Every structure is written in C-alpha cells, then in structure tokens.
Amino acid sequence: MTKLTIPQFRNLKNKRKIAMVTCYDFSMARILANTDIDSILIGDSLGMVIKGENDTLNVEIDELIYHTKAVKKELLINK
C-alpha cells in the first residue's frame, strides 16, 4: 500500500476511482497493507460490525481512537 497525501487524493478526483476499504483491527490491516488499495477507512460502522449494535449511535470517540491506533500500528510496522 503506497501512502497518498491529501493533495494526491485531490488530484485523483475525476481521473480514476479510489479504492478504499473499511478496517477496524491489526489483523485486517496486516492483510490490507499488502494490497493496492489507496486508503483505509476506520469509521463508526464499527458499532454494527464489531459491537453488534443496530446503528452507529452508540459509538464513542474513544472507540474510534482505539481502532484507529490498532490499524495504524500495523501500517507503521509494514511501511
């Protein structure tokens, strides 16, 4: 996975599709780090996917930070 900057993302607009995958943990980040995707998204959908909630309303910012740190840890190891 090549690191793209924000200006590079902007330059891709209307030039090609951007591949983005949602990821919430270290193990999946390890798999995704070896692909050609452009970006990893860590979002509040973890409420439904990870926590089994009916919606995203009960996701706290601390939970998003926790999952972001887990994904980031793998991406820093694999750079």
N, C-alpha and C. Protein backbone atom coordinates (compact mmCIF):
# COMPACT_ATOMS: atom_id res chain seq x y z
N MET A 1 0.85 -1.17 0.00
CA MET A 1 0.00 0.00 0.00
C MET A 1 0.90 1.23 0.00
N THR A 2 0.74 2.09 -0.97
CA THR A 2 1.52 3.31 -1.08
C THR A 2 0.80 4.43 -0.35
N LYS A 3 1.53 5.19 0.43
CA LYS A 3 0.93 6.29 1.17
C LYS A 3 0.65 7.45 0.22
N LEU A 4 -0.61 7.89 0.20
CA LEU A 4 -1.01 9.04 -0.61
C LEU A 4 -1.25 10.23 0.31
N THR A 5 -0.84 11.39 -0.13
CA THR A 5 -1.09 12.61 0.62
C THR A 5 -2.46 13.17 0.25
N ILE A 6 -2.95 14.12 1.03
CA ILE A 6 -4.24 14.74 0.73
C ILE A 6 -4.21 15.41 -0.64
N PRO A 7 -3.17 16.18 -0.98
CA PRO A 7 -3.13 16.76 -2.33
C PRO A 7 -3.15 15.69 -3.43
N GLN A 8 -2.51 14.56 -3.21
CA GLN A 8 -2.54 13.49 -4.21
C GLN A 8 -3.95 12.93 -4.36
N PHE A 9 -4.67 12.78 -3.25
CA PHE A 9 -6.06 12.34 -3.33
C PHE A 9 -6.89 13.34 -4.14
N ARG A 10 -6.70 14.61 -3.86
CA ARG A 10 -7.45 15.63 -4.60
C ARG A 10 -7.15 15.56 -6.09
N ASN A 11 -5.90 15.32 -6.44
CA ASN A 11 -5.52 15.24 -7.85
C ASN A 11 -6.11 14.03 -8.56
N LEU A 12 -6.49 13.02 -7.79
CA LEU A 12 -7.10 11.83 -8.39
C LEU A 12 -8.56 12.05 -8.77
N LYS A 13 -9.17 13.09 -8.21
CA LYS A 13 -10.58 13.35 -8.46
C LYS A 13 -10.83 13.47 -9.97
N ASN A 14 -11.81 12.73 -10.43
CA ASN A 14 -12.22 12.69 -11.84
C ASN A 14 -11.16 12.10 -12.77
N LYS A 15 -10.09 11.53 -12.22
CA LYS A 15 -9.07 10.89 -13.06
C LYS A 15 -9.17 9.38 -13.00
N ARG A 16 -9.41 8.87 -11.80
CA ARG A 16 -9.60 7.42 -11.63
C ARG A 16 -10.34 7.16 -10.33
N LYS A 17 -10.85 5.96 -10.21
CA LYS A 17 -11.54 5.59 -8.99
C LYS A 17 -10.52 5.35 -7.88
N ILE A 18 -10.92 5.64 -6.67
CA ILE A 18 -10.07 5.43 -5.50
C ILE A 18 -10.56 4.18 -4.79
N ALA A 19 -9.65 3.27 -4.49
CA ALA A 19 -10.00 2.05 -3.76
C ALA A 19 -9.85 2.30 -2.27
N MET A 20 -10.95 2.15 -1.53
CA MET A 20 -10.94 2.38 -0.09
C MET A 20 -11.68 1.22 0.58
N VAL A 21 -11.09 0.70 1.66
CA VAL A 21 -11.66 -0.42 2.38
C VAL A 21 -11.77 -0.05 3.86
N THR A 22 -12.85 -0.50 4.49
CA THR A 22 -13.02 -0.25 5.91
C THR A 22 -12.28 -1.33 6.69
N CYS A 23 -11.60 -0.91 7.74
CA CYS A 23 -10.79 -1.82 8.55
C CYS A 23 -10.87 -1.36 10.00
N TYR A 24 -10.90 -2.31 10.93
CA TYR A 24 -11.02 -1.96 12.34
C TYR A 24 -9.95 -2.57 13.23
N ASP A 25 -9.08 -3.44 12.70
CA ASP A 25 -8.15 -4.11 13.59
C ASP A 25 -6.80 -4.38 12.92
N PHE A 26 -5.86 -4.76 13.77
CA PHE A 26 -4.49 -5.02 13.36
C PHE A 26 -4.40 -6.14 12.32
N SER A 27 -5.13 -7.23 12.54
CA SER A 27 -5.04 -8.39 11.64
C SER A 27 -5.49 -8.05 10.22
N MET A 28 -6.61 -7.37 10.09
CA MET A 28 -7.09 -6.99 8.76
C MET A 28 -6.17 -5.95 8.14
N ALA A 29 -5.64 -5.04 8.95
CA ALA A 29 -4.71 -4.04 8.43
C ALA A 29 -3.47 -4.71 7.86
N ARG A 30 -3.02 -5.77 8.50
CA ARG A 30 -1.86 -6.52 8.00
C ARG A 30 -2.15 -7.08 6.61
N ILE A 31 -3.33 -7.60 6.40
CA ILE A 31 -3.71 -8.14 5.09
C ILE A 31 -3.79 -7.00 4.07
N LEU A 32 -4.47 -5.92 4.45
CA LEU A 32 -4.68 -4.81 3.53
C LEU A 32 -3.38 -4.07 3.19
N ALA A 33 -2.42 -4.10 4.07
CA ALA A 33 -1.15 -3.41 3.83
C ALA A 33 -0.41 -3.99 2.62
N ASN A 34 -0.74 -5.19 2.26
CA ASN A 34 -0.08 -5.86 1.13
C ASN A 34 -0.93 -5.85 -0.13
N THR A 35 -1.84 -4.90 -0.23
CA THR A 35 -2.70 -4.78 -1.40
C THR A 35 -2.45 -3.45 -2.10
N ASP A 36 -3.16 -3.23 -3.19
CA ASP A 36 -3.02 -1.99 -3.94
C ASP A 36 -4.10 -0.96 -3.62
N ILE A 37 -4.81 -1.13 -2.50
CA ILE A 37 -5.84 -0.15 -2.16
C ILE A 37 -5.19 1.19 -1.85
N ASP A 38 -5.96 2.25 -2.05
CA ASP A 38 -5.44 3.60 -1.86
C ASP A 38 -5.60 4.11 -0.43
N SER A 39 -6.61 3.62 0.28
CA SER A 39 -6.89 4.17 1.60
C SER A 39 -7.64 3.17 2.46
N ILE A 40 -7.42 3.30 3.76
CA ILE A 40 -8.16 2.51 4.75
C ILE A 40 -9.06 3.47 5.51
N LEU A 41 -10.31 3.11 5.66
CA LEU A 41 -11.29 3.90 6.39
C LEU A 41 -11.58 3.22 7.72
N ILE A 42 -11.53 3.97 8.80
CA ILE A 42 -11.94 3.47 10.10
C ILE A 42 -13.10 4.36 10.53
N GLY A 43 -14.30 3.79 10.54
CA GLY A 43 -15.47 4.62 10.78
C GLY A 43 -16.39 4.10 11.85
N ASP A 44 -17.47 4.84 12.07
CA ASP A 44 -18.41 4.49 13.12
C ASP A 44 -19.25 3.25 12.80
N SER A 45 -19.11 2.73 11.60
CA SER A 45 -19.81 1.47 11.29
C SER A 45 -19.29 0.33 12.16
N LEU A 46 -18.19 0.54 12.87
CA LEU A 46 -17.70 -0.48 13.78
C LEU A 46 -18.75 -0.78 14.85
N GLY A 47 -19.66 0.14 15.09
CA GLY A 47 -20.75 -0.12 16.02
C GLY A 47 -21.56 -1.33 15.62
N MET A 48 -21.83 -1.46 14.34
CA MET A 48 -22.62 -2.59 13.85
C MET A 48 -21.73 -3.79 13.55
N VAL A 49 -20.57 -3.55 12.97
CA VAL A 49 -19.70 -4.64 12.51
C VAL A 49 -18.97 -5.32 13.67
N ILE A 50 -18.45 -4.54 14.59
CA ILE A 50 -17.65 -5.08 15.69
C ILE A 50 -18.48 -5.26 16.97
N LYS A 51 -19.29 -4.26 17.31
CA LYS A 51 -20.02 -4.28 18.57
C LYS A 51 -21.39 -4.94 18.48
N GLY A 52 -21.90 -5.18 17.28
CA GLY A 52 -23.19 -5.82 17.12
C GLY A 52 -24.38 -4.92 17.40
N GLU A 53 -24.17 -3.62 17.34
CA GLU A 53 -25.26 -2.66 17.57
C GLU A 53 -26.18 -2.60 16.35
N ASN A 54 -27.34 -2.02 16.52
CA ASN A 54 -28.29 -1.85 15.42
C ASN A 54 -27.98 -0.63 14.56
N ASP A 55 -27.18 0.28 15.11
CA ASP A 55 -26.83 1.50 14.39
C ASP A 55 -25.48 2.01 14.90
N THR A 56 -25.10 3.19 14.47
CA THR A 56 -23.80 3.74 14.84
C THR A 56 -23.89 4.75 15.99
N LEU A 57 -25.07 4.94 16.53
CA LEU A 57 -25.28 6.00 17.51
C LEU A 57 -24.54 5.79 18.83
N ASN A 58 -24.21 4.55 19.17
CA ASN A 58 -23.54 4.26 20.44
C ASN A 58 -22.03 4.18 20.33
N VAL A 59 -21.46 4.57 19.22
CA VAL A 59 -20.01 4.53 19.05
C VAL A 59 -19.41 5.80 19.65
N GLU A 60 -18.51 5.62 20.57
CA GLU A 60 -17.84 6.73 21.25
C GLU A 60 -16.53 7.07 20.54
N ILE A 61 -16.09 8.29 20.65
CA ILE A 61 -14.85 8.72 20.02
C ILE A 61 -13.67 7.89 20.52
N ASP A 62 -13.69 7.50 21.80
CA ASP A 62 -12.61 6.68 22.34
C ASP A 62 -12.51 5.33 21.64
N GLU A 63 -13.64 4.79 21.20
CA GLU A 63 -13.62 3.53 20.46
C GLU A 63 -13.01 3.72 19.08
N LEU A 64 -13.34 4.81 18.44
CA LEU A 64 -12.74 5.10 17.13
C LEU A 64 -11.23 5.29 17.27
N ILE A 65 -10.80 5.96 18.32
CA ILE A 65 -9.37 6.15 18.56
C ILE A 65 -8.69 4.81 18.78
N TYR A 66 -9.28 3.96 19.58
CA TYR A 66 -8.72 2.63 19.86
C TYR A 66 -8.52 1.83 18.57
N HIS A 67 -9.53 1.78 17.73
CA HIS A 67 -9.44 1.00 16.49
C HIS A 67 -8.47 1.65 15.50
N THR A 68 -8.44 2.96 15.48
CA THR A 68 -7.50 3.66 14.60
C THR A 68 -6.07 3.35 15.01
N LYS A 69 -5.80 3.33 16.30
CA LYS A 69 -4.45 3.00 16.78
C LYS A 69 -4.05 1.59 16.39
N ALA A 70 -4.99 0.65 16.46
CA ALA A 70 -4.68 -0.74 16.10
C ALA A 70 -4.33 -0.85 14.62
N VAL A 71 -5.08 -0.17 13.76
CA VAL A 71 -4.80 -0.19 12.32
C VAL A 71 -3.49 0.53 12.03
N LYS A 72 -3.31 1.68 12.65
CA LYS A 72 -2.09 2.47 12.43
C LYS A 72 -0.84 1.70 12.83
N LYS A 73 -0.93 0.94 13.91
CA LYS A 73 0.22 0.18 14.39
C LYS A 73 0.73 -0.76 13.30
N GLU A 74 -0.17 -1.45 12.64
CA GLU A 74 0.24 -2.35 11.55
C GLU A 74 0.81 -1.55 10.38
N LEU A 75 0.20 -0.48 10.04
CA LEU A 75 0.67 0.29 8.89
C LEU A 75 2.05 0.89 9.14
N LEU A 76 2.36 1.23 10.38
CA LEU A 76 3.69 1.73 10.70
C LEU A 76 4.73 0.62 10.65
N ILE A 77 4.35 -0.59 11.08
CA ILE A 77 5.25 -1.73 11.03
C ILE A 77 5.56 -2.11 9.58
N ASN A 78 4.55 -2.01 8.73
CA ASN A 78 4.64 -2.53 7.37
C ASN A 78 5.05 -1.47 6.35
N LYS A 79 5.53 -0.32 6.75
CA LYS A 79 5.86 0.71 5.75
C LYS A 79 7.22 0.56 5.15
